[in-house]
Amino acid sequence: MERRYASHPNEVKQFDTARLRQEFLIPRLFTPDKLELVLTHEDRLIVGGAAPVNGEVKLETDLKELGVSYFLERRELGAINVGGPGSIVVDGTEYELDTKDCLYVGKGSREVIFKSKDAAKPAKFYLNSAPAHKEFPTAKTTLDEAESAALGSIENSNERTIHRLIHENGIQSSQLVMGMTQLKTGNMWNTMPAHVHPRRMEAYMYFDLPEDSIVVHLMGAPDETRHIVMRNEQAVISPSWSIHSGVGTSNYTFIWGMAGDNKAYGDMDAVAMKDLK
């Protein structure tokens, strides 16, 4: 498991492109038959991916990094399938997940195994894991069951649908919040006007992006913005003091995950367009 440290905004404004990408971009999430994990010290969120192709992939890592005897001893997990049909086995119970289905796995679950139904169309499980102080039951949900809202307009190139999956009014968790935003055809912008939420950090994972397309992800303090060029199935870490927005060369989908002091989706501090620099 790779480790990333927290950064101060006064330090980040001096980073060049290579250093920004080194600190915040997670360029590879899905390696066949392998678990990829990145631990950030921003609220100690773990971002990763499991890509079972020819066999099963287990949720396991160097436990010294976590100071526990098994992965979810003091953690919870959210998994969203962005590939072909697959399943997740939690302590012997198997949950089938089609594309864009979500599974929450609660604190105390000892064994988690990721599987694909068809090696020719393998599942790809995008993972967020946060520290947990309370146990909640494992639960599955789909986009049809999610709390969804249509936002934006074609005039502003940001017509999109937000699906809240793990949140205060949906699947219950200790602190992890996850959901998915789908941009409609012809729309490129997400989360603009921008905001920050000092009480929670966030991570984005962009997907459904054509091979020759990019997303220019905006980050940094509102008066010292920076950008990271991102491609399909890459993730980015957003500290609590940073904006997190982006514009693509085509429409796309992204998964957002948050951890911090509360689970209130609307707890954010808006940044006026005139204040962005």
C-alpha atoms as a PDB file:
ATOM      1  CA  MET A   1       0.000   0.000   0.000  1.00  0.00           C
ATOM      2  CA  GLU A   2       1.349   3.390  -1.009  1.00  0.00           C
ATOM      3  CA  ARG A   3       1.343   6.205   1.552  1.00  0.00           C
ATOM      4  CA  ARG A   4       0.605   9.880   0.840  1.00  0.00           C
ATOM      5  CA  TYR A   5       1.082  12.648   3.411  1.00  0.00           C
ATOM      6  CA  ALA A   6      -1.152  15.642   4.091  1.00  0.00           C
ATOM      7  CA  SER A   7      -0.111  18.998   2.602  1.00  0.00           C
ATOM      8  CA  HIS A   8      -0.478  22.626   3.625  1.00  0.00           C
ATOM      9  CA  PRO A   9      -1.949  25.122   1.090  1.00  0.00           C
ATOM     10  CA  ASN A  10       1.050  27.445   1.451  1.00  0.00           C
ATOM     11  CA  GLU A  11       3.297  24.574   0.432  1.00  0.00           C
ATOM     12  CA  VAL A  12       1.103  23.294  -2.402  1.00  0.00           C
ATOM     13  CA  LYS A  13       1.001  26.642  -4.212  1.00  0.00           C
ATOM     14  CA  GLN A  14       4.738  26.215  -4.880  1.00  0.00           C
ATOM     15  CA  PHE A  15       4.449  22.744  -6.434  1.00  0.00           C
ATOM     16  CA  ASP A  16       5.288  22.231 -10.098  1.00  0.00           C
ATOM     17  CA  THR A  17       3.244  19.877 -12.310  1.00  0.00           C
ATOM     18  CA  ALA A  18       5.291  16.785 -11.460  1.00  0.00           C
ATOM     19  CA  ARG A  19       5.013  17.385  -7.703  1.00  0.00           C
ATOM     20  CA  LEU A  20       1.255  18.031  -7.887  1.00  0.00           C
ATOM     21  CA  ARG A  21       0.746  14.747  -9.694  1.00  0.00           C
ATOM     22  CA  GLN A  22       3.042  12.902  -7.282  1.00  0.00           C
ATOM     23  CA  GLU A  23       1.139  14.113  -4.221  1.00  0.00           C
ATOM     24  CA  PHE A  24      -2.495  14.051  -5.375  1.00  0.00           C
ATOM     25  CA  LEU A  25      -2.989  11.946  -8.536  1.00  0.00           C
ATOM     26  CA  ILE A  26      -3.599   8.194  -8.305  1.00  0.00           C
ATOM     27  CA  PRO A  27      -2.773   7.176 -11.877  1.00  0.00           C
ATOM     28  CA  ARG A  28      -3.456   3.435 -11.727  1.00  0.00           C
ATOM     29  CA  LEU A  29      -6.317   1.774  -9.893  1.00  0.00           C
ATOM     30  CA  PHE A  30      -6.972  -1.430 -11.816  1.00  0.00           C
ATOM     31  CA  THR A  31      -4.200  -3.979 -12.349  1.00  0.00           C
ATOM     32  CA  PRO A  32      -5.415  -7.455 -13.425  1.00  0.00           C
ATOM     33  CA  ASP A  33      -5.676  -9.879 -10.487  1.00  0.00           C
ATOM     34  CA  LYS A  34      -4.217  -7.356  -8.056  1.00  0.00           C
ATOM     35  CA  LEU A  35      -5.290  -4.972  -5.302  1.00  0.00           C
ATOM     36  CA  GLU A  36      -4.086  -1.358  -5.645  1.00  0.00           C
ATOM     37  CA  LEU A  37      -4.269   0.794  -2.514  1.00  0.00           C
ATOM     38  CA  VAL A  38      -3.201   4.335  -1.605  1.00  0.00           C
ATOM     39  CA  LEU A  39      -3.461   5.581   1.988  1.00  0.00           C
ATOM     40  CA  THR A  40      -3.695   9.350   2.305  1.00  0.00           C
ATOM     41  CA  HIS A  41      -3.179  11.085   5.629  1.00  0.00           C
ATOM     42  CA  GLU A  42      -6.070  13.375   4.643  1.00  0.00           C
ATOM     43  CA  ASP A  43      -8.549  11.874   7.135  1.00  0.00           C
ATOM     44  CA  ARG A  44      -6.714   8.558   6.564  1.00  0.00           C
ATOM     45  CA  LEU A  45      -8.884   7.620   3.603  1.00  0.00           C
ATOM     46  CA  ILE A  46      -7.731   4.631   1.551  1.00  0.00           C
ATOM     47  CA  VAL A  47      -8.394   4.850  -2.190  1.00  0.00           C
ATOM     48  CA  GLY A  48      -7.929   1.802  -4.368  1.00  0.00           C
ATOM     49  CA  GLY A  49      -9.141  -0.722  -6.864  1.00  0.00           C
ATOM     50  CA  ALA A  50      -9.586  -4.478  -7.192  1.00  0.00           C
ATOM     51  CA  ALA A  51      -9.543  -6.021 -10.676  1.00  0.00           C
ATOM     52  CA  PRO A  52     -10.165  -9.783 -10.548  1.00  0.00           C
ATOM     53  CA  VAL A  53      -9.719 -11.338 -13.989  1.00  0.00           C
ATOM     54  CA  ASN A  54      -8.347 -14.882 -13.864  1.00  0.00           C
ATOM     55  CA  GLY A  55      -8.890 -15.373 -10.147  1.00  0.00           C
ATOM     56  CA  GLU A  56     -10.121 -13.843  -6.920  1.00  0.00           C
ATOM     57  CA  VAL A  57      -8.636 -10.766  -5.264  1.00  0.00           C
ATOM     58  CA  LYS A  58      -8.676 -10.452  -1.468  1.00  0.00           C
ATOM     59  CA  LEU A  59      -8.836  -7.285   0.594  1.00  0.00           C
ATOM     60  CA  GLU A  60      -5.524  -7.515   2.396  1.00  0.00           C
ATOM     61  CA  THR A  61      -2.386  -5.437   2.876  1.00  0.00           C
ATOM     62  CA  ASP A  62       0.558  -4.867   5.211  1.00  0.00           C
ATOM     63  CA  LEU A  63      -1.387  -4.588   8.460  1.00  0.00           C
ATOM     64  CA  LYS A  64       1.465  -2.826  10.254  1.00  0.00           C
ATOM     65  CA  GLU A  65       0.499   0.285   8.270  1.00  0.00           C
ATOM     66  CA  LEU A  66      -2.986   0.138   9.820  1.00  0.00           C
ATOM     67  CA  GLY A  67      -2.027  -1.171  13.263  1.00  0.00           C
ATOM     68  CA  VAL A  68      -4.718  -3.871  13.252  1.00  0.00           C
ATOM     69  CA  SER A  69      -5.003  -7.645  12.900  1.00  0.00           C
ATOM     70  CA  TYR A  70      -7.281  -7.534   9.813  1.00  0.00           C
ATOM     71  CA  PHE A  71      -8.173  -4.835   7.277  1.00  0.00           C
ATOM     72  CA  LEU A  72     -11.650  -3.876   8.495  1.00  0.00           C
ATOM     73  CA  GLU A  73     -11.035  -4.341  12.203  1.00  0.00           C
ATOM     74  CA  ARG A  74     -11.347  -0.568  12.682  1.00  0.00           C
ATOM     75  CA  ARG A  75     -12.398   0.478   9.180  1.00  0.00           C
ATOM     76  CA  GLU A  76     -15.373   0.478   6.806  1.00  0.00           C
ATOM     77  CA  LEU A  77     -15.368   0.064   3.033  1.00  0.00           C
ATOM     78  CA  GLY A  78     -17.333   1.315   0.057  1.00  0.00           C
ATOM     79  CA  ALA A  79     -16.997  -0.515  -3.278  1.00  0.00           C
ATOM     80  CA  ILE A  80     -18.516   0.539  -6.617  1.00  0.00           C
ATOM     81  CA  ASN A  81     -18.219  -1.704  -9.665  1.00  0.00           C
ATOM     82  CA  VAL A  82     -17.207   0.225 -12.799  1.00  0.00           C
ATOM     83  CA  GLY A  83     -16.534  -2.870 -14.929  1.00  0.00           C
ATOM     84  CA  GLY A  84     -18.411  -5.988 -15.975  1.00  0.00           C
ATOM     85  CA  PRO A  85     -20.605  -8.104 -13.679  1.00  0.00           C
ATOM     86  CA  GLY A  86     -18.927  -9.410 -10.552  1.00  0.00           C
ATOM     87  CA  SER A  87     -19.434 -10.155  -6.903  1.00  0.00           C
ATOM     88  CA  ILE A  88     -18.009  -9.447  -3.468  1.00  0.00           C
ATOM     89  CA  VAL A  89     -17.940 -12.162  -0.823  1.00  0.00           C
ATOM     90  CA  VAL A  90     -18.087 -10.801   2.750  1.00  0.00           C
ATOM     91  CA  ASP A  91     -17.471 -13.404   5.454  1.00  0.00           C
ATOM     92  CA  GLY A  92     -19.016 -16.105   3.276  1.00  0.00           C
ATOM     93  CA  THR A  93     -22.016 -14.130   1.979  1.00  0.00           C
ATOM     94  CA  GLU A  94     -21.839 -13.295  -1.730  1.00  0.00           C
ATOM     95  CA  TYR A  95     -23.248 -10.032  -3.131  1.00  0.00           C
ATOM     96  CA  GLU A  96     -23.604  -9.742  -6.907  1.00  0.00           C
ATOM     97  CA  LEU A  97     -22.738  -6.328  -8.338  1.00  0.00           C
ATOM     98  CA  ASP A  98     -23.523  -5.239 -11.867  1.00  0.00           C
ATOM     99  CA  THR A  99     -21.968  -2.153 -13.445  1.00  0.00           C
ATOM    100  CA  LYS A 100     -22.331   0.917 -11.186  1.00  0.00           C
ATOM    101  CA  ASP A 101     -23.741  -1.091  -8.252  1.00  0.00           C
ATOM    102  CA  CYS A 102     -22.411  -0.211  -4.798  1.00  0.00           C
ATOM    103  CA  LEU A 103     -21.660  -2.313  -1.720  1.00  0.00           C
ATOM    104  CA  TYR A 104     -20.946  -0.988   1.765  1.00  0.00           C
ATOM    105  CA  VAL A 105     -18.961  -3.318   4.035  1.00  0.00           C
ATOM    106  CA  GLY A 106     -19.061  -2.520   7.729  1.00  0.00           C
ATOM    107  CA  LYS A 107     -16.438  -2.471  10.448  1.00  0.00           C
ATOM    108  CA  GLY A 108     -15.578  -5.912  11.799  1.00  0.00           C
ATOM    109  CA  SER A 109     -15.928  -7.827   8.522  1.00  0.00           C
ATOM    110  CA  ARG A 110     -12.970 -10.207   8.455  1.00  0.00           C
ATOM    111  CA  GLU A 111     -12.792 -11.562   4.907  1.00  0.00           C
ATOM    112  CA  VAL A 112     -13.631  -9.672   1.717  1.00  0.00           C
ATOM    113  CA  ILE A 113     -13.096 -11.299  -1.690  1.00  0.00           C
ATOM    114  CA  PHE A 114     -13.627  -9.717  -5.118  1.00  0.00           C
ATOM    115  CA  LYS A 115     -14.676 -11.847  -8.101  1.00  0.00           C
ATOM    116  CA  SER A 116     -15.585 -11.420 -11.781  1.00  0.00           C
ATOM    117  CA  LYS A 117     -18.256 -13.399 -13.590  1.00  0.00           C
ATOM    118  CA  ASP A 118     -16.494 -13.333 -16.971  1.00  0.00           C
ATOM    119  CA  ALA A 119     -12.757 -12.894 -17.503  1.00  0.00           C
ATOM    120  CA  ALA A 120     -13.506 -11.401 -20.925  1.00  0.00           C
ATOM    121  CA  LYS A 121     -15.542  -8.638 -19.246  1.00  0.00           C
ATOM    122  CA  PRO A 122     -13.984  -8.385 -15.793  1.00  0.00           C
ATOM    123  CA  ALA A 123     -15.393  -6.428 -12.897  1.00  0.00           C
ATOM    124  CA  LYS A 124     -13.501  -3.389 -11.623  1.00  0.00           C
ATOM    125  CA  PHE A 125     -14.207  -2.461  -8.022  1.00  0.00           C
ATOM    126  CA  TYR A 126     -13.332   1.102  -7.031  1.00  0.00           C
ATOM    127  CA  LEU A 127     -12.701   1.263  -3.288  1.00  0.00           C
ATOM    128  CA  ASN A 128     -12.815   3.885  -0.542  1.00  0.00           C
ATOM    129  CA  SER A 129     -12.107   2.927   3.072  1.00  0.00           C
ATOM    130  CA  ALA A 130     -12.285   5.187   6.135  1.00  0.00           C
ATOM    131  CA  PRO A 131     -11.669   4.653   9.845  1.00  0.00           C
ATOM    132  CA  ALA A 132     -14.861   3.615  11.663  1.00  0.00           C
ATOM    133  CA  HIS A 133     -15.926   3.895  15.286  1.00  0.00           C
ATOM    134  CA  LYS A 134     -19.196   1.970  14.976  1.00  0.00           C
ATOM    135  CA  GLU A 135     -20.406  -1.132  13.171  1.00  0.00           C
ATOM    136  CA  PHE A 136     -23.046  -0.858  10.437  1.00  0.00           C
ATOM    137  CA  PRO A 137     -24.401  -3.792   8.414  1.00  0.00           C
ATOM    138  CA  THR A 138     -23.126  -4.673   4.973  1.00  0.00           C
ATOM    139  CA  ALA A 139     -25.585  -3.323   2.395  1.00  0.00           C
ATOM    140  CA  LYS A 140     -25.937  -3.122  -1.365  1.00  0.00           C
ATOM    141  CA  THR A 141     -27.595  -0.429  -3.470  1.00  0.00           C
ATOM    142  CA  THR A 142     -28.009   0.474  -7.137  1.00  0.00           C
ATOM    143  CA  LEU A 143     -28.424   3.735  -9.043  1.00  0.00           C
ATOM    144  CA  ASP A 144     -32.155   3.050  -9.314  1.00  0.00           C
ATOM    145  CA  GLU A 145     -32.378   2.864  -5.520  1.00  0.00           C
ATOM    146  CA  ALA A 146     -30.134   5.875  -4.874  1.00  0.00           C
ATOM    147  CA  GLU A 147     -31.256   9.327  -3.768  1.00  0.00           C
ATOM    148  CA  SER A 148     -30.772  11.148  -7.070  1.00  0.00           C
ATOM    149  CA  ALA A 149     -31.035  14.767  -8.166  1.00  0.00           C
ATOM    150  CA  ALA A 150     -30.741  16.531 -11.517  1.00  0.00           C
ATOM    151  CA  LEU A 151     -28.542  19.630 -11.449  1.00  0.00           C
ATOM    152  CA  GLY A 152     -27.074  22.171 -13.854  1.00  0.00           C
ATOM    153  CA  SER A 153     -28.075  23.171 -17.344  1.00  0.00           C
ATOM    154  CA  ILE A 154     -26.914  22.713 -20.923  1.00  0.00           C
ATOM    155  CA  GLU A 155     -26.405  26.483 -21.104  1.00  0.00           C
ATOM    156  CA  ASN A 156     -23.675  26.161 -18.461  1.00  0.00           C
ATOM    157  CA  SER A 157     -22.334  22.858 -19.853  1.00  0.00           C
ATOM    158  CA  ASN A 158     -22.970  21.121 -16.525  1.00  0.00           C
ATOM    159  CA  GLU A 159     -26.242  19.222 -16.859  1.00  0.00           C
ATOM    160  CA  ARG A 160     -25.754  16.201 -14.622  1.00  0.00           C
ATOM    161  CA  THR A 161     -27.378  13.714 -12.266  1.00  0.00           C
ATOM    162  CA  ILE A 162     -26.020  13.148  -8.769  1.00  0.00           C
ATOM    163  CA  HIS A 163     -26.625   9.735  -7.178  1.00  0.00           C
ATOM    164  CA  ARG A 164     -26.065   9.558  -3.400  1.00  0.00           C
ATOM    165  CA  LEU A 165     -25.285   5.976  -2.372  1.00  0.00           C
ATOM    166  CA  ILE A 166     -23.602   5.868   1.051  1.00  0.00           C
ATOM    167  CA  HIS A 167     -24.901   8.920   2.937  1.00  0.00           C
ATOM    168  CA  GLU A 168     -26.979  10.104   5.857  1.00  0.00           C
ATOM    169  CA  ASN A 169     -30.293   9.238   4.142  1.00  0.00           C
ATOM    170  CA  GLY A 170     -29.125   6.079   2.373  1.00  0.00           C
ATOM    171  CA  ILE A 171     -26.750   3.276   3.271  1.00  0.00           C
ATOM    172  CA  GLN A 172     -25.574   4.062   6.783  1.00  0.00           C
ATOM    173  CA  SER A 173     -21.902   4.320   7.698  1.00  0.00           C
ATOM    174  CA  SER A 174     -19.675   5.554  10.457  1.00  0.00           C
ATOM    175  CA  GLN A 175     -18.197   8.441   8.419  1.00  0.00           C
ATOM    176  CA  LEU A 176     -17.764   7.339   4.808  1.00  0.00           C
ATOM    177  CA  VAL A 177     -19.905   9.117   2.184  1.00  0.00           C
ATOM    178  CA  MET A 178     -19.905   7.972  -1.462  1.00  0.00           C
ATOM    179  CA  GLY A 179     -21.852   8.660  -4.613  1.00  0.00           C
ATOM    180  CA  MET A 180     -21.682   9.047  -8.354  1.00  0.00           C
ATOM    181  CA  THR A 181     -22.266  11.923 -10.759  1.00  0.00           C
ATOM    182  CA  GLN A 182     -23.123  11.348 -14.427  1.00  0.00           C
ATOM    183  CA  LEU A 183     -22.796  14.174 -16.946  1.00  0.00           C
ATOM    184  CA  LYS A 184     -25.199  14.205 -19.853  1.00  0.00           C
ATOM    185  CA  THR A 185     -23.972  14.225 -23.450  1.00  0.00           C
ATOM    186  CA  GLY A 186     -22.656  17.634 -24.469  1.00  0.00           C
ATOM    187  CA  ASN A 187     -21.801  18.648 -20.889  1.00  0.00           C
ATOM    188  CA  MET A 188     -18.261  18.942 -19.557  1.00  0.00           C
ATOM    189  CA  TRP A 189     -18.182  20.844 -16.244  1.00  0.00           C
ATOM    190  CA  ASN A 190     -18.680  19.391 -12.759  1.00  0.00           C
ATOM    191  CA  THR A 191     -19.045  21.142  -9.400  1.00  0.00           C
ATOM    192  CA  MET A 192     -18.821  24.703 -10.683  1.00  0.00           C
ATOM    193  CA  PRO A 193     -19.286  27.156  -8.979  1.00  0.00           C
ATOM    194  CA  ALA A 194     -16.730  25.493  -6.743  1.00  0.00           C
ATOM    195  CA  HIS A 195     -16.778  24.890  -3.010  1.00  0.00           C
ATOM    196  CA  VAL A 196     -14.647  23.613  -0.162  1.00  0.00           C
ATOM    197  CA  HIS A 197     -15.698  21.700   2.956  1.00  0.00           C
ATOM    198  CA  PRO A 198     -13.144  22.227   5.732  1.00  0.00           C
ATOM    199  CA  ARG A 199     -14.719  19.480   7.829  1.00  0.00           C
ATOM    200  CA  ARG A 200     -14.195  16.722   5.251  1.00  0.00           C
ATOM    201  CA  MET A 201     -11.719  15.691   2.581  1.00  0.00           C
ATOM    202  CA  GLU A 202     -12.791  14.206  -0.747  1.00  0.00           C
ATOM    203  CA  ALA A 203     -11.513  11.962  -3.527  1.00  0.00           C
ATOM    204  CA  TYR A 204     -12.729  11.849  -7.138  1.00  0.00           C
ATOM    205  CA  MET A 205     -12.414   8.972  -9.619  1.00  0.00           C
ATOM    206  CA  TYR A 206     -13.169   9.792 -13.251  1.00  0.00           C
ATOM    207  CA  PHE A 207     -14.389   7.059 -15.623  1.00  0.00           C
ATOM    208  CA  ASP A 208     -16.592   6.470 -18.696  1.00  0.00           C
ATOM    209  CA  LEU A 209     -14.073   8.774 -20.395  1.00  0.00           C
ATOM    210  CA  PRO A 210     -13.046   7.994 -24.003  1.00  0.00           C
ATOM    211  CA  GLU A 211      -9.422   6.965 -24.459  1.00  0.00           C
ATOM    212  CA  ASP A 212      -8.460  10.157 -26.310  1.00  0.00           C
ATOM    213  CA  SER A 213     -10.235  12.473 -23.829  1.00  0.00           C
ATOM    214  CA  ILE A 214      -9.020  14.172 -20.664  1.00  0.00           C
ATOM    215  CA  VAL A 215     -10.426  15.930 -17.611  1.00  0.00           C
ATOM    216  CA  VAL A 216      -8.665  19.058 -16.379  1.00  0.00           C
ATOM    217  CA  HIS A 217      -9.202  18.724 -12.629  1.00  0.00           C
ATOM    218  CA  LEU A 218      -9.020  21.978 -10.690  1.00  0.00           C
ATOM    219  CA  MET A 219      -7.692  21.972  -7.135  1.00  0.00           C
ATOM    220  CA  GLY A 220      -5.982  24.241  -4.618  1.00  0.00           C
ATOM    221  CA  ALA A 221      -7.033  27.127  -2.417  1.00  0.00           C
ATOM    222  CA  PRO A 222      -9.721  29.254  -4.124  1.00  0.00           C
ATOM    223  CA  ASP A 223      -7.286  32.144  -4.609  1.00  0.00           C
ATOM    224  CA  GLU A 224      -4.368  29.874  -5.654  1.00  0.00           C
ATOM    225  CA  THR A 225      -5.863  27.275  -8.000  1.00  0.00           C
ATOM    226  CA  ARG A 226      -3.853  24.591  -9.754  1.00  0.00           C
ATOM    227  CA  HIS A 227      -4.794  21.884 -12.236  1.00  0.00           C
ATOM    228  CA  ILE A 228      -4.055  18.210 -12.879  1.00  0.00           C
ATOM    229  CA  VAL A 229      -4.685  16.588 -16.265  1.00  0.00           C
ATOM    230  CA  MET A 230      -6.489  13.283 -15.714  1.00  0.00           C
ATOM    231  CA  ARG A 231      -7.516  10.345 -17.845  1.00  0.00           C
ATOM    232  CA  ASN A 232      -9.984   7.481 -17.662  1.00  0.00           C
ATOM    233  CA  GLU A 233     -10.106   5.500 -14.400  1.00  0.00           C
ATOM    234  CA  GLN A 234      -7.754   7.750 -12.482  1.00  0.00           C
ATOM    235  CA  ALA A 235      -8.385   9.206  -9.020  1.00  0.00           C
ATOM    236  CA  VAL A 236      -7.349  12.417  -7.299  1.00  0.00           C
ATOM    237  CA  ILE A 237      -7.079  13.361  -3.613  1.00  0.00           C
ATOM    238  CA  SER A 238      -8.667  16.634  -2.521  1.00  0.00           C
ATOM    239  CA  PRO A 239      -7.673  18.083   0.881  1.00  0.00           C
ATOM    240  CA  SER A 240     -10.432  19.724   2.914  1.00  0.00           C
ATOM    241  CA  TRP A 241      -9.111  23.221   2.104  1.00  0.00           C
ATOM    242  CA  SER A 242      -9.048  22.622  -1.657  1.00  0.00           C
ATOM    243  CA  ILE A 243     -11.655  23.170  -4.330  1.00  0.00           C
ATOM    244  CA  HIS A 244     -12.432  20.090  -6.445  1.00  0.00           C
ATOM    245  CA  SER A 245     -13.891  20.670  -9.855  1.00  0.00           C
ATOM    246  CA  GLY A 246     -13.126  19.776 -13.438  1.00  0.00           C
ATOM    247  CA  VAL A 247     -13.887  20.139 -17.114  1.00  0.00           C
ATOM    248  CA  GLY A 248     -13.567  17.397 -19.707  1.00  0.00           C
ATOM    249  CA  THR A 249     -13.101  17.242 -23.444  1.00  0.00           C
ATOM    250  CA  SER A 250     -16.251  15.070 -23.430  1.00  0.00           C
ATOM    251  CA  ASN A 251     -18.893  14.061 -20.913  1.00  0.00           C
ATOM    252  CA  TYR A 252     -17.908  11.491 -18.268  1.00  0.00           C
ATOM    253  CA  THR A 253     -18.893   9.977 -14.930  1.00  0.00           C
ATOM    254  CA  PHE A 254     -17.123  10.356 -11.618  1.00  0.00           C
ATOM    255  CA  ILE A 255     -17.327   8.788  -8.171  1.00  0.00           C
ATOM    256  CA  TRP A 256     -16.898  11.004  -5.140  1.00  0.00           C
ATOM    257  CA  GLY A 257     -15.986   9.787  -1.694  1.00  0.00           C
ATOM    258  CA  MET A 258     -15.643  11.786   1.522  1.00  0.00           C
ATOM    259  CA  ALA A 259     -14.488  11.274   5.095  1.00  0.00           C
ATOM    260  CA  GLY A 260     -14.325  13.639   8.040  1.00  0.00           C
ATOM    261  CA  ASP A 261     -16.372  15.127  10.849  1.00  0.00           C
ATOM    262  CA  ASN A 262     -19.877  14.508   9.493  1.00  0.00           C
ATOM    263  CA  LYS A 263     -21.959  12.800   6.802  1.00  0.00           C
ATOM    264  CA  ALA A 264     -24.021  15.832   5.727  1.00  0.00           C
ATOM    265  CA  TYR A 265     -23.771  16.018   1.933  1.00  0.00           C
ATOM    266  CA  GLY A 266     -24.729  19.709   1.912  1.00  0.00           C
ATOM    267  CA  ASP A 267     -22.077  20.767   4.444  1.00  0.00           C
ATOM    268  CA  MET A 268     -19.911  22.890   2.162  1.00  0.00           C
ATOM    269  CA  ASP A 269     -18.622  26.446   1.893  1.00  0.00           C
ATOM    270  CA  ALA A 270     -19.425  27.923  -1.522  1.00  0.00           C
ATOM    271  CA  VAL A 271     -16.809  29.881  -3.448  1.00  0.00           C
ATOM    272  CA  ALA A 272     -18.114  32.726  -5.585  1.00  0.00           C
ATOM    273  CA  MET A 273     -16.935  32.728  -9.192  1.00  0.00           C
ATOM    274  CA  LYS A 274     -15.497  36.221  -8.703  1.00  0.00           C
ATOM    275  CA  ASP A 275     -13.250  34.908  -5.905  1.00  0.00           C
ATOM    276  CA  LEU A 276     -11.552  32.178  -7.966  1.00  0.00           C
ATOM    277  CA  LYS A 277      -8.018  32.954  -9.061  1.00  0.00           C
END
